[in-house]
Amino acid sequence: MKLNKAQFCKYIEEYKKMSEQNEMITDTLEISSEWTPMNWINSYYEMLSDLCELPEDKNTGTLLDWFIFDTHYGRENNVILGNGRRWVINSPEVLYDFIKEN
């Protein structure tokens, strides 16, 4: 992990904000989500993912992928086991702690 906890949380929140704004704009203007700003947002996510240096499973992706896309930023299906403990990953801060401990 090349990021400290504050950076990690800040960059996840920034990605979330960009994605939500993009969704609002595409819905309002009734345009395809495959417009140039979405490419920039995807590039930002790729950079964030690279900085996290998380192992990737070919079927499920990384823990970051799971947190953002599968749990919708920890809002649903956010329980995971690690180090003999049940974790409720409901924020970037808890995800960071989980990654560091496991």
PDB file of N, CA and C in Angstrom:
ATOM      1  N   MET A   1       0.862  -1.176   0.000  1.00  0.00           N
ATOM      2  CA  MET A   1       0.000   0.000   0.000  1.00  0.00           C
ATOM      3  C   MET A   1       0.901   1.228   0.000  1.00  0.00           C
ATOM      4  N   LYS A   2       0.741   2.041  -1.015  1.00  0.00           N
ATOM      5  CA  LYS A   2       1.538   3.259  -1.122  1.00  0.00           C
ATOM      6  C   LYS A   2       0.845   4.471  -0.501  1.00  0.00           C
ATOM      7  N   LEU A   3      -0.341   4.263   0.048  1.00  0.00           N
ATOM      8  CA  LEU A   3      -1.107   5.360   0.611  1.00  0.00           C
ATOM      9  C   LEU A   3      -1.222   5.199   2.121  1.00  0.00           C
ATOM     10  N   ASN A   4      -1.219   6.336   2.821  1.00  0.00           N
ATOM     11  CA  ASN A   4      -1.529   6.258   4.247  1.00  0.00           C
ATOM     12  C   ASN A   4      -3.061   6.272   4.382  1.00  0.00           C
ATOM     13  N   LYS A   5      -3.538   6.104   5.590  1.00  0.00           N
ATOM     14  CA  LYS A   5      -4.981   5.979   5.821  1.00  0.00           C
ATOM     15  C   LYS A   5      -5.742   7.224   5.366  1.00  0.00           C
ATOM     16  N   ALA A   6      -5.221   8.395   5.670  1.00  0.00           N
ATOM     17  CA  ALA A   6      -5.902   9.639   5.294  1.00  0.00           C
ATOM     18  C   ALA A   6      -5.991   9.777   3.775  1.00  0.00           C
ATOM     19  N   GLN A   7      -4.909   9.462   3.076  1.00  0.00           N
ATOM     20  CA  GLN A   7      -4.920   9.539   1.611  1.00  0.00           C
ATOM     21  C   GLN A   7      -5.901   8.533   1.023  1.00  0.00           C
ATOM     22  N   PHE A   8      -5.843   7.304   1.515  1.00  0.00           N
ATOM     23  CA  PHE A   8      -6.708   6.234   1.041  1.00  0.00           C
ATOM     24  C   PHE A   8      -8.175   6.652   1.152  1.00  0.00           C
ATOM     25  N   CYS A   9      -8.566   7.123   2.306  1.00  0.00           N
ATOM     26  CA  CYS A   9      -9.953   7.531   2.544  1.00  0.00           C
ATOM     27  C   CYS A   9     -10.336   8.729   1.677  1.00  0.00           C
ATOM     28  N   LYS A  10      -9.455   9.687   1.579  1.00  0.00           N
ATOM     29  CA  LYS A  10      -9.714  10.883   0.771  1.00  0.00           C
ATOM     30  C   LYS A  10      -9.927  10.508  -0.692  1.00  0.00           C
ATOM     31  N   TYR A  11      -9.077   9.626  -1.221  1.00  0.00           N
ATOM     32  CA  TYR A  11      -9.170   9.280  -2.638  1.00  0.00           C
ATOM     33  C   TYR A  11     -10.388   8.415  -2.946  1.00  0.00           C
ATOM     34  N   ILE A  12     -10.781   7.564  -2.008  1.00  0.00           N
ATOM     35  CA  ILE A  12     -12.015   6.795  -2.214  1.00  0.00           C
ATOM     36  C   ILE A  12     -13.208   7.740  -2.206  1.00  0.00           C
ATOM     37  N   GLU A  13     -13.249   8.660  -1.263  1.00  0.00           N
ATOM     38  CA  GLU A  13     -14.356   9.621  -1.207  1.00  0.00           C
ATOM     39  C   GLU A  13     -14.394  10.489  -2.460  1.00  0.00           C
ATOM     40  N   GLU A  14     -13.244  10.860  -2.974  1.00  0.00           N
ATOM     41  CA  GLU A  14     -13.191  11.668  -4.198  1.00  0.00           C
ATOM     42  C   GLU A  14     -13.726  10.871  -5.386  1.00  0.00           C
ATOM     43  N   TYR A  15     -13.344   9.599  -5.471  1.00  0.00           N
ATOM     44  CA  TYR A  15     -13.851   8.752  -6.555  1.00  0.00           C
ATOM     45  C   TYR A  15     -15.376   8.615  -6.446  1.00  0.00           C
ATOM     46  N   LYS A  16     -15.866   8.401  -5.240  1.00  0.00           N
ATOM     47  CA  LYS A  16     -17.304   8.279  -5.007  1.00  0.00           C
ATOM     48  C   LYS A  16     -18.025   9.553  -5.467  1.00  0.00           C
ATOM     49  N   LYS A  17     -17.491  10.695  -5.096  1.00  0.00           N
ATOM     50  CA  LYS A  17     -18.090  11.986  -5.466  1.00  0.00           C
ATOM     51  C   LYS A  17     -18.106  12.161  -6.991  1.00  0.00           C
ATOM     52  N   MET A  18     -16.989  11.840  -7.642  1.00  0.00           N
ATOM     53  CA  MET A  18     -16.923  11.969  -9.101  1.00  0.00           C
ATOM     54  C   MET A  18     -17.931  11.042  -9.771  1.00  0.00           C
ATOM     55  N   SER A  19     -18.030   9.807  -9.294  1.00  0.00           N
ATOM     56  CA  SER A  19     -18.959   8.837  -9.875  1.00  0.00           C
ATOM     57  C   SER A  19     -20.406   9.278  -9.708  1.00  0.00           C
ATOM     58  N   GLU A  20     -20.746   9.778  -8.514  1.00  0.00           N
ATOM     59  CA  GLU A  20     -22.110  10.250  -8.265  1.00  0.00           C
ATOM     60  C   GLU A  20     -22.451  11.452  -9.141  1.00  0.00           C
ATOM     61  N   GLN A  21     -21.504  12.373  -9.293  1.00  0.00           N
ATOM     62  CA  GLN A  21     -21.739  13.542 -10.140  1.00  0.00           C
ATOM     63  C   GLN A  21     -21.907  13.119 -11.595  1.00  0.00           C
ATOM     64  N   ASN A  22     -21.091  12.174 -12.035  1.00  0.00           N
ATOM     65  CA  ASN A  22     -21.202  11.680 -13.403  1.00  0.00           C
ATOM     66  C   ASN A  22     -22.566  11.042 -13.636  1.00  0.00           C
ATOM     67  N   GLU A  23     -23.017  10.241 -12.678  1.00  0.00           N
ATOM     68  CA  GLU A  23     -24.325   9.593 -12.809  1.00  0.00           C
ATOM     69  C   GLU A  23     -25.447  10.627 -12.868  1.00  0.00           C
ATOM     70  N   MET A  24     -25.347  11.660 -12.039  1.00  0.00           N
ATOM     71  CA  MET A  24     -26.362  12.703 -12.034  1.00  0.00           C
ATOM     72  C   MET A  24     -26.395  13.430 -13.389  1.00  0.00           C
ATOM     73  N   ILE A  25     -25.231  13.729 -13.925  1.00  0.00           N
ATOM     74  CA  ILE A  25     -25.159  14.447 -15.204  1.00  0.00           C
ATOM     75  C   ILE A  25     -25.702  13.586 -16.342  1.00  0.00           C
ATOM     76  N   THR A  26     -25.270  12.321 -16.388  1.00  0.00           N
ATOM     77  CA  THR A  26     -25.737  11.452 -17.478  1.00  0.00           C
ATOM     78  C   THR A  26     -27.241  11.203 -17.388  1.00  0.00           C
ATOM     79  N   ASP A  27     -27.765  11.081 -16.164  1.00  0.00           N
ATOM     80  CA  ASP A  27     -29.213  10.897 -16.002  1.00  0.00           C
ATOM     81  C   ASP A  27     -29.975  12.157 -16.394  1.00  0.00           C
ATOM     82  N   THR A  28     -29.491  13.308 -15.973  1.00  0.00           N
ATOM     83  CA  THR A  28     -30.167  14.576 -16.251  1.00  0.00           C
ATOM     84  C   THR A  28     -30.175  14.877 -17.743  1.00  0.00           C
ATOM     85  N   LEU A  29     -29.028  14.664 -18.381  1.00  0.00           N
ATOM     86  CA  LEU A  29     -28.910  14.980 -19.806  1.00  0.00           C
ATOM     87  C   LEU A  29     -29.330  13.823 -20.706  1.00  0.00           C
ATOM     88  N   GLU A  30     -29.647  12.690 -20.066  1.00  0.00           N
ATOM     89  CA  GLU A  30     -30.028  11.488 -20.799  1.00  0.00           C
ATOM     90  C   GLU A  30     -29.013  11.141 -21.878  1.00  0.00           C
ATOM     91  N   ILE A  31     -27.746  11.072 -21.449  1.00  0.00           N
ATOM     92  CA  ILE A  31     -26.664  10.713 -22.365  1.00  0.00           C
ATOM     93  C   ILE A  31     -26.019   9.417 -21.894  1.00  0.00           C
ATOM     94  N   SER A  32     -25.265   8.833 -22.766  1.00  0.00           N
ATOM     95  CA  SER A  32     -24.564   7.595 -22.455  1.00  0.00           C
ATOM     96  C   SER A  32     -23.487   7.859 -21.408  1.00  0.00           C
ATOM     97  N   SER A  33     -23.281   6.863 -20.555  1.00  0.00           N
ATOM     98  CA  SER A  33     -22.223   7.010 -19.549  1.00  0.00           C
ATOM     99  C   SER A  33     -20.843   6.846 -20.170  1.00  0.00           C
ATOM    100  N   GLU A  34     -20.792   6.545 -21.448  1.00  0.00           N
ATOM    101  CA  GLU A  34     -19.509   6.360 -22.124  1.00  0.00           C
ATOM    102  C   GLU A  34     -19.067   7.649 -22.810  1.00  0.00           C
ATOM    103  N   TRP A  35     -19.021   8.715 -22.048  1.00  0.00           N
ATOM    104  CA  TRP A  35     -18.548   9.985 -22.564  1.00  0.00           C
ATOM    105  C   TRP A  35     -17.188  10.265 -21.961  1.00  0.00           C
ATOM    106  N   THR A  36     -16.456  11.225 -22.474  1.00  0.00           N
ATOM    107  CA  THR A  36     -15.073  11.487 -22.090  1.00  0.00           C
ATOM    108  C   THR A  36     -14.860  11.628 -20.585  1.00  0.00           C
ATOM    109  N   PRO A  37     -15.660  12.374 -19.838  1.00  0.00           N
ATOM    110  CA  PRO A  37     -15.410  12.460 -18.398  1.00  0.00           C
ATOM    111  C   PRO A  37     -15.419  11.091 -17.703  1.00  0.00           C
ATOM    112  N   MET A  38     -16.216  10.154 -18.186  1.00  0.00           N
ATOM    113  CA  MET A  38     -16.220   8.826 -17.571  1.00  0.00           C
ATOM    114  C   MET A  38     -14.871   8.139 -17.780  1.00  0.00           C
ATOM    115  N   ASN A  39     -14.244   8.380 -18.900  1.00  0.00           N
ATOM    116  CA  ASN A  39     -12.907   7.831 -19.135  1.00  0.00           C
ATOM    117  C   ASN A  39     -11.919   8.393 -18.114  1.00  0.00           C
ATOM    118  N   TRP A  40     -12.038   9.663 -17.780  1.00  0.00           N
ATOM    119  CA  TRP A  40     -11.157  10.278 -16.781  1.00  0.00           C
ATOM    120  C   TRP A  40     -11.403   9.661 -15.411  1.00  0.00           C
ATOM    121  N   ILE A  41     -12.665   9.451 -15.080  1.00  0.00           N
ATOM    122  CA  ILE A  41     -13.011   8.858 -13.787  1.00  0.00           C
ATOM    123  C   ILE A  41     -12.471   7.431 -13.705  1.00  0.00           C
ATOM    124  N   ASN A  42     -12.604   6.677 -14.788  1.00  0.00           N
ATOM    125  CA  ASN A  42     -12.055   5.314 -14.813  1.00  0.00           C
ATOM    126  C   ASN A  42     -10.545   5.312 -14.663  1.00  0.00           C
ATOM    127  N   SER A  43      -9.869   6.267 -15.283  1.00  0.00           N
ATOM    128  CA  SER A  43      -8.413   6.370 -15.148  1.00  0.00           C
ATOM    129  C   SER A  43      -8.024   6.699 -13.712  1.00  0.00           C
ATOM    130  N   TYR A  44      -8.798   7.547 -13.063  1.00  0.00           N
ATOM    131  CA  TYR A  44      -8.558   7.880 -11.659  1.00  0.00           C
ATOM    132  C   TYR A  44      -8.674   6.620 -10.806  1.00  0.00           C
ATOM    133  N   TYR A  45      -9.700   5.812 -11.069  1.00  0.00           N
ATOM    134  CA  TYR A  45      -9.886   4.580 -10.305  1.00  0.00           C
ATOM    135  C   TYR A  45      -8.704   3.625 -10.526  1.00  0.00           C
ATOM    136  N   GLU A  46      -8.264   3.491 -11.750  1.00  0.00           N
ATOM    137  CA  GLU A  46      -7.126   2.621 -12.043  1.00  0.00           C
ATOM    138  C   GLU A  46      -5.883   3.079 -11.289  1.00  0.00           C
ATOM    139  N   MET A  47      -5.644   4.389 -11.241  1.00  0.00           N
ATOM    140  CA  MET A  47      -4.503   4.916 -10.505  1.00  0.00           C
ATOM    141  C   MET A  47      -4.646   4.612  -9.011  1.00  0.00           C
ATOM    142  N   LEU A  48      -5.827   4.842  -8.460  1.00  0.00           N
ATOM    143  CA  LEU A  48      -6.070   4.551  -7.053  1.00  0.00           C
ATOM    144  C   LEU A  48      -5.828   3.073  -6.769  1.00  0.00           C
ATOM    145  N   SER A  49      -6.346   2.224  -7.604  1.00  0.00           N
ATOM    146  CA  SER A  49      -6.177   0.785  -7.429  1.00  0.00           C
ATOM    147  C   SER A  49      -4.697   0.401  -7.487  1.00  0.00           C
ATOM    148  N   ASP A  50      -3.965   0.971  -8.422  1.00  0.00           N
ATOM    149  CA  ASP A  50      -2.524   0.694  -8.531  1.00  0.00           C
ATOM    150  C   ASP A  50      -1.781   1.128  -7.272  1.00  0.00           C
ATOM    151  N   LEU A  51      -2.143   2.279  -6.727  1.00  0.00           N
ATOM    152  CA  LEU A  51      -1.484   2.773  -5.521  1.00  0.00           C
ATOM    153  C   LEU A  51      -1.762   1.891  -4.300  1.00  0.00           C
ATOM    154  N   CYS A  52      -2.884   1.197  -4.326  1.00  0.00           N
ATOM    155  CA  CYS A  52      -3.232   0.316  -3.201  1.00  0.00           C
ATOM    156  C   CYS A  52      -2.431  -0.983  -3.234  1.00  0.00           C
ATOM    157  N   GLU A  53      -1.981  -1.388  -4.396  1.00  0.00           N
ATOM    158  CA  GLU A  53      -1.170  -2.604  -4.563  1.00  0.00           C
ATOM    159  C   GLU A  53      -1.821  -3.834  -3.941  1.00  0.00           C
ATOM    160  N   LEU A  54      -3.119  -3.998  -4.161  1.00  0.00           N
ATOM    161  CA  LEU A  54      -3.852  -5.116  -3.582  1.00  0.00           C
ATOM    162  C   LEU A  54      -3.820  -6.319  -4.519  1.00  0.00           C
ATOM    163  N   PRO A  55      -3.741  -7.507  -3.951  1.00  0.00           N
ATOM    164  CA  PRO A  55      -3.793  -8.703  -4.802  1.00  0.00           C
ATOM    165  C   PRO A  55      -5.144  -8.792  -5.501  1.00  0.00           C
ATOM    166  N   GLU A  56      -5.117  -9.334  -6.710  1.00  0.00           N
ATOM    167  CA  GLU A  56      -6.339  -9.397  -7.500  1.00  0.00           C
ATOM    168  C   GLU A  56      -6.706 -10.844  -7.778  1.00  0.00           C
ATOM    169  N   ASP A  57      -7.956 -11.158  -7.556  1.00  0.00           N
ATOM    170  CA  ASP A  57      -8.511 -12.455  -7.918  1.00  0.00           C
ATOM    171  C   ASP A  57      -9.144 -12.293  -9.290  1.00  0.00           C
ATOM    172  N   LYS A  58      -8.875 -13.213 -10.203  1.00  0.00           N
ATOM    173  CA  LYS A  58      -9.380 -13.055 -11.578  1.00  0.00           C
ATOM    174  C   LYS A  58     -10.908 -13.052 -11.656  1.00  0.00           C
ATOM    175  N   ASN A  59     -11.570 -13.633 -10.648  1.00  0.00           N
ATOM    176  CA  ASN A  59     -13.035 -13.676 -10.657  1.00  0.00           C
ATOM    177  C   ASN A  59     -13.680 -12.538  -9.888  1.00  0.00           C
ATOM    178  N   THR A  60     -13.056 -12.103  -8.802  1.00  0.00           N
ATOM    179  CA  THR A  60     -13.696 -11.108  -7.938  1.00  0.00           C
ATOM    180  C   THR A  60     -12.982  -9.767  -7.894  1.00  0.00           C
ATOM    181  N   GLY A  61     -11.810  -9.670  -8.469  1.00  0.00           N
ATOM    182  CA  GLY A  61     -11.062  -8.410  -8.436  1.00  0.00           C
ATOM    183  C   GLY A  61     -10.338  -8.232  -7.115  1.00  0.00           C
ATOM    184  N   THR A  62     -10.161  -6.989  -6.694  1.00  0.00           N
ATOM    185  CA  THR A  62      -9.448  -6.675  -5.457  1.00  0.00           C
ATOM    186  C   THR A  62     -10.443  -6.338  -4.351  1.00  0.00           C
ATOM    187  N   LEU A  63      -9.930  -6.176  -3.146  1.00  0.00           N
ATOM    188  CA  LEU A  63     -10.789  -5.733  -2.042  1.00  0.00           C
ATOM    189  C   LEU A  63     -11.379  -4.350  -2.320  1.00  0.00           C
ATOM    190  N   LEU A  64     -10.618  -3.509  -2.991  1.00  0.00           N
ATOM    191  CA  LEU A  64     -11.132  -2.183  -3.346  1.00  0.00           C
ATOM    192  C   LEU A  64     -12.312  -2.314  -4.310  1.00  0.00           C
ATOM    193  N   ASP A  65     -12.172  -3.185  -5.316  1.00  0.00           N
ATOM    194  CA  ASP A  65     -13.278  -3.435  -6.247  1.00  0.00           C
ATOM    195  C   ASP A  65     -14.511  -3.913  -5.481  1.00  0.00           C
ATOM    196  N   TRP A  66     -14.299  -4.877  -4.581  1.00  0.00           N
ATOM    197  CA  TRP A  66     -15.392  -5.432  -3.789  1.00  0.00           C
ATOM    198  C   TRP A  66     -16.083  -4.332  -2.991  1.00  0.00           C
ATOM    199  N   PHE A  67     -15.302  -3.510  -2.292  1.00  0.00           N
ATOM    200  CA  PHE A  67     -15.858  -2.458  -1.444  1.00  0.00           C
ATOM    201  C   PHE A  67     -16.690  -1.455  -2.251  1.00  0.00           C
ATOM    202  N   ILE A  68     -16.142  -1.008  -3.366  1.00  0.00           N
ATOM    203  CA  ILE A  68     -16.821   0.033  -4.143  1.00  0.00           C
ATOM    204  C   ILE A  68     -17.995  -0.523  -4.947  1.00  0.00           C
ATOM    205  N   PHE A  69     -17.744  -1.596  -5.684  1.00  0.00           N
ATOM    206  CA  PHE A  69     -18.750  -2.053  -6.640  1.00  0.00           C
ATOM    207  C   PHE A  69     -19.718  -3.099  -6.080  1.00  0.00           C
ATOM    208  N   ASP A  70     -19.244  -3.979  -5.215  1.00  0.00           N
ATOM    209  CA  ASP A  70     -20.116  -5.034  -4.699  1.00  0.00           C
ATOM    210  C   ASP A  70     -20.888  -4.611  -3.447  1.00  0.00           C
ATOM    211  N   THR A  71     -20.243  -3.830  -2.584  1.00  0.00           N
ATOM    212  CA  THR A  71     -20.933  -3.411  -1.352  1.00  0.00           C
ATOM    213  C   THR A  71     -21.474  -1.987  -1.451  1.00  0.00           C
ATOM    214  N   HIS A  72     -21.246  -1.340  -2.575  1.00  0.00           N
ATOM    215  CA  HIS A  72     -21.677   0.052  -2.776  1.00  0.00           C
ATOM    216  C   HIS A  72     -21.145   0.932  -1.645  1.00  0.00           C
ATOM    217  N   TYR A  73     -19.816   0.920  -1.525  1.00  0.00           N
ATOM    218  CA  TYR A  73     -19.101   1.706  -0.508  1.00  0.00           C
ATOM    219  C   TYR A  73     -19.462   1.274   0.912  1.00  0.00           C
ATOM    220  N   GLY A  74     -19.664  -0.025   1.084  1.00  0.00           N
ATOM    221  CA  GLY A  74     -19.899  -0.565   2.411  1.00  0.00           C
ATOM    222  C   GLY A  74     -21.328  -0.486   2.903  1.00  0.00           C
ATOM    223  N   ARG A  75     -22.253  -0.148   2.026  1.00  0.00           N
ATOM    224  CA  ARG A  75     -23.647  -0.007   2.452  1.00  0.00           C
ATOM    225  C   ARG A  75     -24.402  -1.331   2.506  1.00  0.00           C
ATOM    226  N   GLU A  76     -23.955  -2.356   1.757  1.00  0.00           N
ATOM    227  CA  GLU A  76     -24.674  -3.631   1.758  1.00  0.00           C
ATOM    228  C   GLU A  76     -23.704  -4.798   1.566  1.00  0.00           C
ATOM    229  N   ASN A  77     -24.074  -5.954   2.108  1.00  0.00           N
ATOM    230  CA  ASN A  77     -23.244  -7.166   2.001  1.00  0.00           C
ATOM    231  C   ASN A  77     -21.777  -6.874   2.311  1.00  0.00           C
ATOM    232  N   ASN A  78     -21.542  -6.250   3.457  1.00  0.00           N
ATOM    233  CA  ASN A  78     -20.227  -5.718   3.774  1.00  0.00           C
ATOM    234  C   ASN A  78     -19.456  -6.504   4.832  1.00  0.00           C
ATOM    235  N   VAL A  79     -19.850  -7.738   5.072  1.00  0.00           N
ATOM    236  CA  VAL A  79     -19.189  -8.541   6.103  1.00  0.00           C
ATOM    237  C   VAL A  79     -18.137  -9.438   5.456  1.00  0.00           C
ATOM    238  N   ILE A  80     -16.981  -9.493   6.083  1.00  0.00           N
ATOM    239  CA  ILE A  80     -15.872 -10.305   5.581  1.00  0.00           C
ATOM    240  C   ILE A  80     -15.121 -10.870   6.786  1.00  0.00           C
ATOM    241  N   LEU A  81     -14.508 -12.014   6.607  1.00  0.00           N
ATOM    242  CA  LEU A  81     -13.736 -12.631   7.676  1.00  0.00           C
ATOM    243  C   LEU A  81     -12.256 -12.421   7.412  1.00  0.00           C
ATOM    244  N   GLY A  82     -11.513 -12.162   8.484  1.00  0.00           N
ATOM    245  CA  GLY A  82     -10.074 -11.992   8.366  1.00  0.00           C
ATOM    246  C   GLY A  82      -9.418 -12.087   9.719  1.00  0.00           C
ATOM    247  N   ASN A  83      -8.321 -12.815   9.783  1.00  0.00           N
ATOM    248  CA  ASN A  83      -7.584 -13.003  11.041  1.00  0.00           C
ATOM    249  C   ASN A  83      -8.486 -13.526  12.156  1.00  0.00           C
ATOM    250  N   GLY A  84      -9.371 -14.465  11.814  1.00  0.00           N
ATOM    251  CA  GLY A  84     -10.257 -15.054  12.800  1.00  0.00           C
ATOM    252  C   GLY A  84     -11.296 -14.112  13.368  1.00  0.00           C
ATOM    253  N   ARG A  85     -11.552 -13.061  12.652  1.00  0.00           N
ATOM    254  CA  ARG A  85     -12.468 -12.028  13.126  1.00  0.00           C
ATOM    255  C   ARG A  85     -13.485 -11.687  12.044  1.00  0.00           C
ATOM    256  N   ARG A  86     -14.684 -11.346  12.452  1.00  0.00           N
ATOM    257  CA  ARG A  86     -15.740 -10.898  11.528  1.00  0.00           C
ATOM    258  C   ARG A  86     -15.650  -9.375  11.417  1.00  0.00           C
ATOM    259  N   TRP A  87     -15.461  -8.890  10.206  1.00  0.00           N
ATOM    260  CA  TRP A  87     -15.335  -7.457   9.955  1.00  0.00           C
ATOM    261  C   TRP A  87     -16.577  -6.943   9.230  1.00  0.00           C
ATOM    262  N   VAL A  88     -17.073  -5.811   9.654  1.00  0.00           N
ATOM    263  CA  VAL A  88     -18.127  -5.105   8.928  1.00  0.00           C
ATOM    264  C   VAL A  88     -17.431  -3.924   8.251  1.00  0.00           C
ATOM    265  N   ILE A  89     -17.229  -4.063   6.960  1.00  0.00           N
ATOM    266  CA  ILE A  89     -16.480  -3.058   6.196  1.00  0.00           C
ATOM    267  C   ILE A  89     -17.476  -2.019   5.683  1.00  0.00           C
ATOM    268  N   ASN A  90     -17.742  -1.018   6.493  1.00  0.00           N
ATOM    269  CA  ASN A  90     -18.764  -0.030   6.160  1.00  0.00           C
ATOM    270  C   ASN A  90     -18.215   1.370   5.910  1.00  0.00           C
ATOM    271  N   SER A  91     -16.902   1.481   5.808  1.00  0.00           N
ATOM    272  CA  SER A  91     -16.292   2.778   5.514  1.00  0.00           C
ATOM    273  C   SER A  91     -14.886   2.547   4.956  1.00  0.00           C
ATOM    274  N   PRO A  92     -14.338   3.544   4.265  1.00  0.00           N
ATOM    275  CA  PRO A  92     -12.966   3.412   3.788  1.00  0.00           C
ATOM    276  C   PRO A  92     -11.968   3.217   4.940  1.00  0.00           C
ATOM    277  N   GLU A  93     -12.255   3.831   6.082  1.00  0.00           N
ATOM    278  CA  GLU A  93     -11.360   3.709   7.240  1.00  0.00           C
ATOM    279  C   GLU A  93     -11.276   2.255   7.708  1.00  0.00           C
ATOM    280  N   VAL A  94     -12.425   1.592   7.805  1.00  0.00           N
ATOM    281  CA  VAL A  94     -12.442   0.193   8.246  1.00  0.00           C
ATOM    282  C   VAL A  94     -11.796  -0.697   7.182  1.00  0.00           C
ATOM    283  N   LEU A  95     -12.034  -0.406   5.915  1.00  0.00           N
ATOM    284  CA  LEU A  95     -11.387  -1.170   4.843  1.00  0.00           C
ATOM    285  C   LEU A  95      -9.878  -1.051   4.944  1.00  0.00           C
ATOM    286  N   TYR A  96      -9.382   0.149   5.165  1.00  0.00           N
ATOM    287  CA  TYR A  96      -7.934   0.361   5.302  1.00  0.00           C
ATOM    288  C   TYR A  96      -7.379  -0.464   6.464  1.00  0.00           C
ATOM    289  N   ASP A  97      -8.058  -0.416   7.604  1.00  0.00           N
ATOM    290  CA  ASP A  97      -7.616  -1.188   8.772  1.00  0.00           C
ATOM    291  C   ASP A  97      -7.607  -2.676   8.464  1.00  0.00           C
ATOM    292  N   PHE A  98      -8.643  -3.151   7.767  1.00  0.00           N
ATOM    293  CA  PHE A  98      -8.718  -4.569   7.396  1.00  0.00           C
ATOM    294  C   PHE A  98      -7.536  -4.949   6.509  1.00  0.00           C
ATOM    295  N   ILE A  99      -7.263  -4.129   5.517  1.00  0.00           N
ATOM    296  CA  ILE A  99      -6.154  -4.412   4.586  1.00  0.00           C
ATOM    297  C   ILE A  99      -4.844  -4.470   5.348  1.00  0.00           C
ATOM    298  N   LYS A 100      -4.615  -3.508   6.218  1.00  0.00           N
ATOM    299  CA  LYS A 100      -3.353  -3.466   6.966  1.00  0.00           C
ATOM    300  C   LYS A 100      -3.209  -4.645   7.909  1.00  0.00           C
ATOM    301  N   GLU A 101      -4.308  -5.090   8.521  1.00  0.00           N
ATOM    302  CA  GLU A 101      -4.251  -6.195   9.475  1.00  0.00           C
ATOM    303  C   GLU A 101      -4.173  -7.553   8.804  1.00  0.00           C
ATOM    304  N   ASN A 102      -4.666  -7.649   7.597  1.00  0.00           N
ATOM    305  CA  ASN A 102      -4.724  -8.933   6.915  1.00  0.00           C
ATOM    306  C   ASN A 102      -3.738  -8.957   5.774  1.00  0.00           C
TER     307      ASN A 102
END
